């Protein structure tokens, strides 16, 4: 009995190693196999917003992204992820029913961040393998300090 189990474990190990070697030579990585795709149920009116030139001295700027649920079931936004503390997010926490709209408001703080910026925002829904992305960009005109 133990010999058979050992044989099958060894066989499984060999197949697993061949799988990883195949992935290595084809250039495919494990994260690519588990890649997340866009949630087809969420349709955004726009996925990119350009603030244009904003003055650092004028402070924070905001934009609201509006989306519709075109799927067959309610969609819940579980998290919205930004890569920078300069970007704050508020979003619809209630389930968005089929045919209804939801909102994601993005607030960008230009303090001490001069010149061009571009921020990606990931929208994670109750369909965990599906992530939508929206972007903001602009140009911060810094405060001129007299010498």
N, C-alpha and C. Protein backbone atom coordinates (compact mmCIF):
# COMPACT_ATOMS: atom_id res chain seq x y z
N UNK A 1 0.82 -1.20 0.00
CA UNK A 1 0.00 0.00 0.00
C UNK A 1 0.86 1.26 0.00
N UNK A 2 1.83 1.31 0.93
CA UNK A 2 2.69 2.49 1.01
C UNK A 2 3.54 2.65 -0.24
N UNK A 3 3.93 1.56 -0.82
CA UNK A 3 4.71 1.61 -2.06
C UNK A 3 3.92 2.23 -3.19
N UNK A 4 2.64 1.92 -3.29
CA UNK A 4 1.78 2.47 -4.34
C UNK A 4 1.58 3.97 -4.14
N UNK A 5 1.39 4.38 -2.91
CA UNK A 5 1.21 5.81 -2.62
C UNK A 5 2.48 6.56 -2.97
N UNK A 6 3.62 6.01 -2.59
CA UNK A 6 4.91 6.63 -2.89
C UNK A 6 5.10 6.74 -4.40
N UNK A 7 4.72 5.70 -5.14
CA UNK A 7 4.83 5.70 -6.60
C UNK A 7 3.98 6.82 -7.22
N UNK A 8 2.72 6.94 -6.78
CA UNK A 8 1.84 7.97 -7.33
C UNK A 8 2.30 9.38 -6.95
N UNK A 9 2.83 9.55 -5.75
CA UNK A 9 3.35 10.86 -5.35
C UNK A 9 4.55 11.24 -6.22
N UNK A 10 5.41 10.26 -6.48
CA UNK A 10 6.59 10.50 -7.33
C UNK A 10 6.14 10.84 -8.75
N UNK A 11 5.15 10.11 -9.26
CA UNK A 11 4.63 10.36 -10.59
C UNK A 11 4.02 11.76 -10.70
N UNK A 12 3.26 12.15 -9.68
CA UNK A 12 2.68 13.48 -9.64
C UNK A 12 3.76 14.55 -9.62
N UNK A 13 4.81 14.33 -8.86
CA UNK A 13 5.92 15.28 -8.78
C UNK A 13 6.57 15.45 -10.15
N UNK A 14 6.78 14.35 -10.87
CA UNK A 14 7.40 14.41 -12.20
C UNK A 14 6.53 15.22 -13.15
N UNK A 15 5.22 14.97 -13.16
CA UNK A 15 4.33 15.72 -14.04
C UNK A 15 4.28 17.20 -13.66
N UNK A 16 4.31 17.49 -12.38
CA UNK A 16 4.30 18.88 -11.93
C UNK A 16 5.57 19.60 -12.38
N UNK A 17 6.71 18.95 -12.26
CA UNK A 17 7.97 19.56 -12.69
C UNK A 17 7.96 19.79 -14.19
N UNK A 18 7.45 18.84 -14.96
CA UNK A 18 7.36 19.02 -16.41
C UNK A 18 6.46 20.22 -16.76
N UNK A 19 5.39 20.40 -16.02
CA UNK A 19 4.48 21.52 -16.23
C UNK A 19 5.21 22.85 -16.00
N UNK A 20 5.97 22.95 -14.91
CA UNK A 20 6.69 24.19 -14.63
C UNK A 20 7.80 24.44 -15.64
N UNK A 21 8.46 23.40 -16.09
CA UNK A 21 9.50 23.55 -17.11
C UNK A 21 8.87 24.03 -18.41
N UNK A 22 7.73 23.48 -18.78
CA UNK A 22 7.01 23.91 -19.97
C UNK A 22 6.63 25.39 -19.86
N UNK A 23 6.13 25.80 -18.70
CA UNK A 23 5.78 27.21 -18.50
C UNK A 23 7.00 28.10 -18.62
N UNK A 24 8.13 27.65 -18.09
CA UNK A 24 9.36 28.44 -18.14
C UNK A 24 9.79 28.69 -19.58
N UNK A 25 9.78 27.65 -20.40
CA UNK A 25 10.25 27.78 -21.78
C UNK A 25 9.24 28.47 -22.69
N UNK A 26 7.99 28.50 -22.33
CA UNK A 26 7.00 29.20 -23.15
C UNK A 26 6.81 30.64 -22.71
N UNK A 27 7.40 31.03 -21.57
CA UNK A 27 7.30 32.41 -21.11
C UNK A 27 6.02 32.72 -20.36
N UNK A 28 5.25 31.71 -20.01
CA UNK A 28 4.01 31.92 -19.27
C UNK A 28 4.30 31.80 -17.79
N UNK A 29 3.75 32.70 -17.00
CA UNK A 29 3.95 32.64 -15.56
C UNK A 29 2.64 32.24 -14.88
N UNK A 30 2.74 31.80 -13.65
CA UNK A 30 1.56 31.41 -12.88
C UNK A 30 0.59 32.58 -12.73
N UNK A 31 1.06 33.83 -12.43
CA UNK A 31 0.09 34.94 -12.35
C UNK A 31 -0.67 35.16 -13.65
N UNK A 32 -0.03 34.89 -14.81
CA UNK A 32 -0.74 35.06 -16.06
C UNK A 32 -1.86 34.02 -16.19
N UNK A 33 -1.64 32.83 -15.66
CA UNK A 33 -2.67 31.81 -15.72
C UNK A 33 -3.88 32.21 -14.89
N UNK A 34 -3.64 32.94 -13.81
CA UNK A 34 -4.73 33.38 -12.94
C UNK A 34 -5.09 34.83 -13.20
N UNK A 35 -4.80 35.33 -14.39
CA UNK A 35 -4.99 36.74 -14.70
C UNK A 35 -6.45 37.14 -14.50
N UNK A 36 -6.60 38.37 -14.05
CA UNK A 36 -7.94 38.88 -13.83
C UNK A 36 -8.40 39.60 -15.08
N UNK A 37 -9.66 39.47 -15.38
CA UNK A 37 -10.22 40.11 -16.55
C UNK A 37 -11.25 41.14 -16.10
N UNK A 38 -11.63 41.99 -17.03
CA UNK A 38 -12.61 43.02 -16.70
C UNK A 38 -13.98 42.38 -16.46
N UNK A 39 -14.72 42.96 -15.53
CA UNK A 39 -16.07 42.51 -15.24
C UNK A 39 -16.98 43.04 -16.33
N UNK A 40 -17.52 42.16 -17.15
CA UNK A 40 -18.36 42.59 -18.26
C UNK A 40 -19.69 43.15 -17.81
N UNK A 41 -20.07 42.94 -16.54
CA UNK A 41 -21.33 43.47 -16.03
C UNK A 41 -21.26 44.97 -15.78
N UNK A 42 -20.06 45.49 -15.53
CA UNK A 42 -19.91 46.92 -15.27
C UNK A 42 -19.51 47.63 -16.55
N UNK A 43 -20.28 48.62 -16.93
CA UNK A 43 -19.95 49.43 -18.10
C UNK A 43 -19.82 50.87 -17.63
N UNK A 44 -18.61 51.41 -17.73
CA UNK A 44 -18.34 52.78 -17.32
C UNK A 44 -18.63 53.74 -18.46
N UNK A 45 -19.17 54.91 -18.14
CA UNK A 45 -19.38 55.95 -19.15
C UNK A 45 -18.04 56.36 -19.74
N UNK A 46 -17.03 56.37 -18.88
CA UNK A 46 -15.65 56.69 -19.29
C UNK A 46 -14.73 55.92 -18.36
N UNK A 47 -13.56 55.54 -18.86
CA UNK A 47 -12.61 54.84 -18.00
C UNK A 47 -11.38 55.69 -17.71
N UNK A 48 -11.26 56.83 -18.42
CA UNK A 48 -10.13 57.73 -18.20
C UNK A 48 -10.66 59.15 -18.03
N UNK A 49 -10.05 59.87 -17.10
CA UNK A 49 -10.42 61.27 -16.92
C UNK A 49 -9.15 62.10 -16.79
N UNK A 50 -9.09 63.19 -17.55
CA UNK A 50 -7.94 64.09 -17.55
C UNK A 50 -8.34 65.38 -16.84
N UNK A 51 -7.72 65.65 -15.69
CA UNK A 51 -7.98 66.89 -14.96
C UNK A 51 -7.37 68.10 -15.68
N UNK A 52 -6.47 67.84 -16.61
CA UNK A 52 -5.78 68.93 -17.29
C UNK A 52 -4.78 69.58 -16.34
N UNK A 53 -4.57 70.87 -16.49
CA UNK A 53 -3.67 71.61 -15.59
C UNK A 53 -4.41 71.98 -14.32
N UNK A 54 -3.87 71.57 -13.19
CA UNK A 54 -4.44 71.96 -11.90
C UNK A 54 -3.36 72.64 -11.07
N UNK A 55 -3.76 73.65 -10.33
CA UNK A 55 -2.81 74.38 -9.50
C UNK A 55 -2.70 73.74 -8.13
N UNK A 56 -1.47 73.49 -7.70
CA UNK A 56 -1.24 72.89 -6.40
C UNK A 56 -1.90 73.72 -5.30
N UNK A 57 -1.84 75.04 -5.44
CA UNK A 57 -2.38 75.93 -4.40
C UNK A 57 -3.90 75.85 -4.27
N UNK A 58 -4.59 75.37 -5.32
CA UNK A 58 -6.05 75.26 -5.28
C UNK A 58 -6.53 74.01 -4.54
N UNK A 59 -5.62 73.10 -4.22
CA UNK A 59 -5.98 71.93 -3.42
C UNK A 59 -6.58 70.79 -4.22
N UNK A 60 -7.32 69.95 -3.52
CA UNK A 60 -7.84 68.69 -4.06
C UNK A 60 -8.82 68.90 -5.21
N UNK A 61 -8.81 67.93 -6.14
CA UNK A 61 -9.76 67.91 -7.24
C UNK A 61 -10.46 66.55 -7.24
N UNK A 62 -11.71 66.52 -7.70
CA UNK A 62 -12.46 65.27 -7.70
C UNK A 62 -13.13 65.03 -9.05
N UNK A 63 -13.40 63.77 -9.30
CA UNK A 63 -14.17 63.37 -10.48
C UNK A 63 -14.97 62.14 -10.11
N UNK A 64 -16.19 62.06 -10.60
CA UNK A 64 -17.05 60.90 -10.35
C UNK A 64 -17.20 60.08 -11.62
N UNK A 65 -16.81 58.81 -11.52
CA UNK A 65 -17.01 57.85 -12.60
C UNK A 65 -18.37 57.19 -12.39
N UNK A 66 -19.19 57.16 -13.43
CA UNK A 66 -20.50 56.54 -13.35
C UNK A 66 -20.48 55.25 -14.17
N UNK A 67 -21.03 54.18 -13.58
CA UNK A 67 -21.08 52.90 -14.28
C UNK A 67 -22.49 52.34 -14.22
N UNK A 68 -22.78 51.44 -15.15
CA UNK A 68 -24.06 50.75 -15.18
C UNK A 68 -23.83 49.26 -15.02
N UNK A 69 -24.77 48.59 -14.39
CA UNK A 69 -24.73 47.14 -14.28
C UNK A 69 -25.55 46.57 -15.43
N UNK A 70 -24.87 45.96 -16.40
CA UNK A 70 -25.56 45.38 -17.55
C UNK A 70 -25.69 43.87 -17.42
N UNK A 71 -25.29 43.33 -16.28
CA UNK A 71 -25.36 41.88 -16.06
C UNK A 71 -26.74 41.43 -15.62
N UNK A 72 -26.82 40.16 -15.28
CA UNK A 72 -28.10 39.57 -14.88
C UNK A 72 -28.30 39.54 -13.37
N UNK A 73 -27.23 39.78 -12.63
CA UNK A 73 -27.31 39.75 -11.17
C UNK A 73 -26.76 41.04 -10.59
N UNK A 74 -27.14 41.37 -9.35
CA UNK A 74 -26.59 42.58 -8.72
C UNK A 74 -25.07 42.49 -8.58
N UNK A 75 -24.42 43.63 -8.70
CA UNK A 75 -22.97 43.71 -8.56
C UNK A 75 -22.66 44.51 -7.30
N UNK A 76 -21.74 43.99 -6.51
CA UNK A 76 -21.30 44.69 -5.30
C UNK A 76 -19.83 45.07 -5.48
N UNK A 77 -19.53 46.33 -5.32
CA UNK A 77 -18.12 46.74 -5.33
C UNK A 77 -17.57 46.46 -3.95
N UNK A 78 -16.63 45.55 -3.89
CA UNK A 78 -16.07 45.15 -2.60
C UNK A 78 -14.88 46.00 -2.20
N UNK A 79 -14.14 46.49 -3.19
CA UNK A 79 -12.96 47.30 -2.87
C UNK A 79 -12.58 48.11 -4.10
N UNK A 80 -11.99 49.26 -3.85
CA UNK A 80 -11.41 50.07 -4.90
C UNK A 80 -9.99 50.38 -4.44
N UNK A 81 -9.01 49.99 -5.25
CA UNK A 81 -7.60 50.05 -4.85
C UNK A 81 -6.86 51.09 -5.66
N UNK A 82 -6.13 51.94 -4.95
CA UNK A 82 -5.24 52.90 -5.59
C UNK A 82 -3.82 52.61 -5.14
N UNK A 83 -2.87 53.06 -5.90
CA UNK A 83 -1.48 52.79 -5.56
C UNK A 83 -0.80 53.94 -4.85
N UNK A 84 -1.57 54.93 -4.43
CA UNK A 84 -0.96 56.14 -3.87
C UNK A 84 -1.87 56.74 -2.81
N UNK A 85 -1.27 57.24 -1.76
CA UNK A 85 -2.07 57.89 -0.71
C UNK A 85 -2.58 59.26 -1.16
N UNK A 86 -2.14 59.72 -2.32
CA UNK A 86 -2.60 61.00 -2.86
C UNK A 86 -4.01 60.89 -3.44
N UNK A 87 -4.52 59.66 -3.57
CA UNK A 87 -5.82 59.43 -4.18
C UNK A 87 -6.76 58.81 -3.16
N UNK A 88 -7.89 59.47 -2.92
CA UNK A 88 -8.91 58.94 -2.00
C UNK A 88 -10.14 58.56 -2.83
N UNK A 89 -10.83 57.51 -2.38
CA UNK A 89 -11.94 56.97 -3.15
C UNK A 89 -13.19 56.86 -2.26
N UNK A 90 -14.34 57.18 -2.83
CA UNK A 90 -15.62 56.83 -2.22
C UNK A 90 -16.43 56.13 -3.32
N UNK A 91 -17.23 55.13 -2.92
CA UNK A 91 -17.96 54.37 -3.93
C UNK A 91 -19.26 53.83 -3.35
N UNK A 92 -20.15 53.42 -4.27
CA UNK A 92 -21.44 52.83 -3.91
C UNK A 92 -21.19 51.52 -3.18
N UNK A 93 -21.67 51.41 -1.95
CA UNK A 93 -21.46 50.20 -1.18
C UNK A 93 -22.64 49.23 -1.28
N UNK A 94 -23.78 49.72 -1.66
CA UNK A 94 -24.97 48.88 -1.81
C UNK A 94 -24.89 48.12 -3.13
N UNK A 95 -25.51 46.94 -3.20
CA UNK A 95 -25.54 46.22 -4.47
C UNK A 95 -26.18 47.08 -5.57
N UNK A 96 -25.57 47.04 -6.75
CA UNK A 96 -26.11 47.77 -7.89
C UNK A 96 -26.91 46.77 -8.72
N UNK A 97 -28.22 46.97 -8.74
CA UNK A 97 -29.10 46.03 -9.43
C UNK A 97 -28.95 46.15 -10.94
N UNK A 98 -29.40 45.12 -11.63
CA UNK A 98 -29.36 45.09 -13.09
C UNK A 98 -30.05 46.33 -13.67
N UNK A 99 -29.37 46.98 -14.60
CA UNK A 99 -29.93 48.16 -15.24
C UNK A 99 -29.75 49.45 -14.46
N UNK A 100 -29.24 49.38 -13.26
CA UNK A 100 -29.06 50.58 -12.41
C UNK A 100 -27.62 51.08 -12.51
N UNK A 101 -27.39 52.27 -11.92
CA UNK A 101 -26.07 52.89 -11.97
C UNK A 101 -25.45 53.00 -10.59
N UNK A 102 -24.13 53.05 -10.59
CA UNK A 102 -23.36 53.27 -9.38
C UNK A 102 -22.31 54.34 -9.65
N UNK A 103 -21.65 54.77 -8.58
CA UNK A 103 -20.67 55.85 -8.72
C UNK A 103 -19.40 55.53 -7.95
N UNK A 104 -18.30 55.97 -8.52
CA UNK A 104 -17.01 55.92 -7.84
C UNK A 104 -16.43 57.32 -7.95
N UNK A 105 -16.22 57.95 -6.81
CA UNK A 105 -15.66 59.31 -6.80
C UNK A 105 -14.20 59.24 -6.40
N UNK A 106 -13.37 59.85 -7.23
CA UNK A 106 -11.93 59.86 -7.02
C UNK A 106 -11.50 61.28 -6.65
N UNK A 107 -10.77 61.41 -5.56
CA UNK A 107 -10.27 62.70 -5.10
C UNK A 107 -8.74 62.66 -5.15
N UNK A 108 -8.14 63.57 -5.89
CA UNK A 108 -6.68 63.62 -6.02
C UNK A 108 -6.15 64.84 -5.28
N UNK A 109 -5.15 64.62 -4.43
CA UNK A 109 -4.53 65.69 -3.67
C UNK A 109 -3.18 66.03 -4.30
N UNK A 110 -3.06 67.22 -4.92
CA UNK A 110 -1.82 67.57 -5.63
C UNK A 110 -0.70 68.12 -4.73
N UNK A 111 -0.94 68.19 -3.42
CA UNK A 111 0.06 68.78 -2.52
C UNK A 111 1.40 68.05 -2.63
N UNK A 112 2.44 68.81 -2.90
CA UNK A 112 3.82 68.31 -3.00
C UNK A 112 4.02 67.30 -4.13
N UNK A 113 3.15 67.33 -5.12
CA UNK A 113 3.27 66.42 -6.26
C UNK A 113 3.19 67.25 -7.54
N UNK A 114 4.32 67.77 -7.93
CA UNK A 114 4.29 68.68 -9.08
C UNK A 114 4.45 67.94 -10.40
N UNK A 115 3.92 68.57 -11.43
CA UNK A 115 3.99 68.16 -12.82
C UNK A 115 3.03 67.00 -13.15
N UNK A 116 3.38 66.19 -14.14
CA UNK A 116 2.46 65.18 -14.68
C UNK A 116 2.20 64.04 -13.69
N UNK A 117 0.95 63.58 -13.67
CA UNK A 117 0.61 62.39 -12.88
C UNK A 117 -0.38 61.54 -13.67
N UNK A 118 -0.36 60.26 -13.39
CA UNK A 118 -1.31 59.30 -13.96
C UNK A 118 -1.51 58.21 -12.92
N UNK A 119 -2.75 57.98 -12.52
CA UNK A 119 -3.06 57.01 -11.47
C UNK A 119 -4.05 55.97 -11.97
N UNK A 120 -3.72 54.71 -11.74
CA UNK A 120 -4.62 53.61 -12.08
C UNK A 120 -5.40 53.24 -10.84
N UNK A 121 -6.68 52.95 -11.02
CA UNK A 121 -7.57 52.59 -9.92
C UNK A 121 -8.23 51.26 -10.27
N UNK A 122 -8.08 50.26 -9.40
CA UNK A 122 -8.67 48.94 -9.62
C UNK A 122 -9.99 48.82 -8.87
N UNK A 123 -11.03 48.38 -9.58
CA UNK A 123 -12.36 48.21 -9.01
C UNK A 123 -12.63 46.70 -8.88
N UNK A 124 -12.70 46.22 -7.63
CA UNK A 124 -12.91 44.80 -7.36
C UNK A 124 -14.38 44.58 -6.98
N UNK A 125 -15.02 43.65 -7.66
CA UNK A 125 -16.43 43.37 -7.40
C UNK A 125 -16.60 42.00 -6.75
N UNK A 126 -17.85 41.63 -6.52
CA UNK A 126 -18.14 40.33 -5.93
C UNK A 126 -17.81 39.18 -6.89
N UNK A 127 -17.50 39.47 -8.12
CA UNK A 127 -16.95 38.49 -9.06
C UNK A 127 -15.44 38.61 -8.95
N UNK A 128 -14.83 37.91 -8.00
CA UNK A 128 -13.45 38.14 -7.58
C UNK A 128 -12.40 38.03 -8.68
N UNK A 129 -12.66 37.26 -9.72
CA UNK A 129 -11.68 37.14 -10.79
C UNK A 129 -11.79 38.27 -11.81
N UNK A 130 -12.69 39.18 -11.57
CA UNK A 130 -12.90 40.28 -12.51
C UNK A 130 -12.60 41.62 -11.86
N UNK A 131 -11.69 42.35 -12.48
CA UNK A 131 -11.29 43.66 -11.98
C UNK A 131 -11.41 44.66 -13.12
N UNK A 132 -12.09 45.76 -12.87
CA UNK A 132 -12.15 46.85 -13.84
C UNK A 132 -11.12 47.89 -13.44
N UNK A 133 -10.60 48.59 -14.43
CA UNK A 133 -9.61 49.63 -14.16
C UNK A 133 -10.09 50.95 -14.74
N UNK A 134 -9.90 52.00 -13.95
CA UNK A 134 -10.16 53.36 -14.40
C UNK A 134 -8.90 54.17 -14.12
N UNK A 135 -8.75 55.30 -14.80
CA UNK A 135 -7.54 56.10 -14.65
C UNK A 135 -7.87 57.58 -14.53
N UNK A 136 -7.02 58.27 -13.79
CA UNK A 136 -7.04 59.73 -13.78
C UNK A 136 -5.65 60.21 -14.15
N UNK A 137 -5.60 61.39 -14.74
CA UNK A 137 -4.29 61.98 -15.05
C UNK A 137 -4.43 63.49 -15.05
N UNK A 138 -3.30 64.16 -15.09
CA UNK A 138 -3.31 65.61 -15.12
C UNK A 138 -1.91 66.15 -14.98
N UNK A 139 -1.84 67.45 -14.82
CA UNK A 139 -0.56 68.14 -14.67
C UNK A 139 -0.70 69.13 -13.52
N UNK A 140 0.13 68.96 -12.50
CA UNK A 140 0.09 69.85 -11.34
C UNK A 140 1.06 71.00 -11.54
N UNK A 141 0.51 72.22 -11.47
CA UNK A 141 1.34 73.42 -11.55
C UNK A 141 1.75 73.78 -10.12
N UNK A 142 3.05 73.68 -9.83
CA UNK A 142 3.49 73.86 -8.44
C UNK A 142 3.35 75.31 -7.96
N UNK A 143 3.31 75.43 -6.63
CA UNK A 143 3.31 76.74 -6.00
C UNK A 143 4.67 77.38 -6.23
N UNK A 144 4.66 78.63 -6.66
CA UNK A 144 5.93 79.33 -6.87
C UNK A 144 6.32 79.99 -5.56
N UNK A 145 7.50 79.61 -5.10
CA UNK A 145 8.00 80.15 -3.84
C UNK A 145 8.97 81.29 -4.16
N UNK A 146 8.69 82.49 -3.66
CA UNK A 146 9.61 83.62 -3.93
C UNK A 146 10.97 83.39 -3.27
N UNK A 147 11.97 83.87 -3.96
CA UNK A 147 13.33 83.70 -3.42
C UNK A 147 13.73 84.83 -2.53
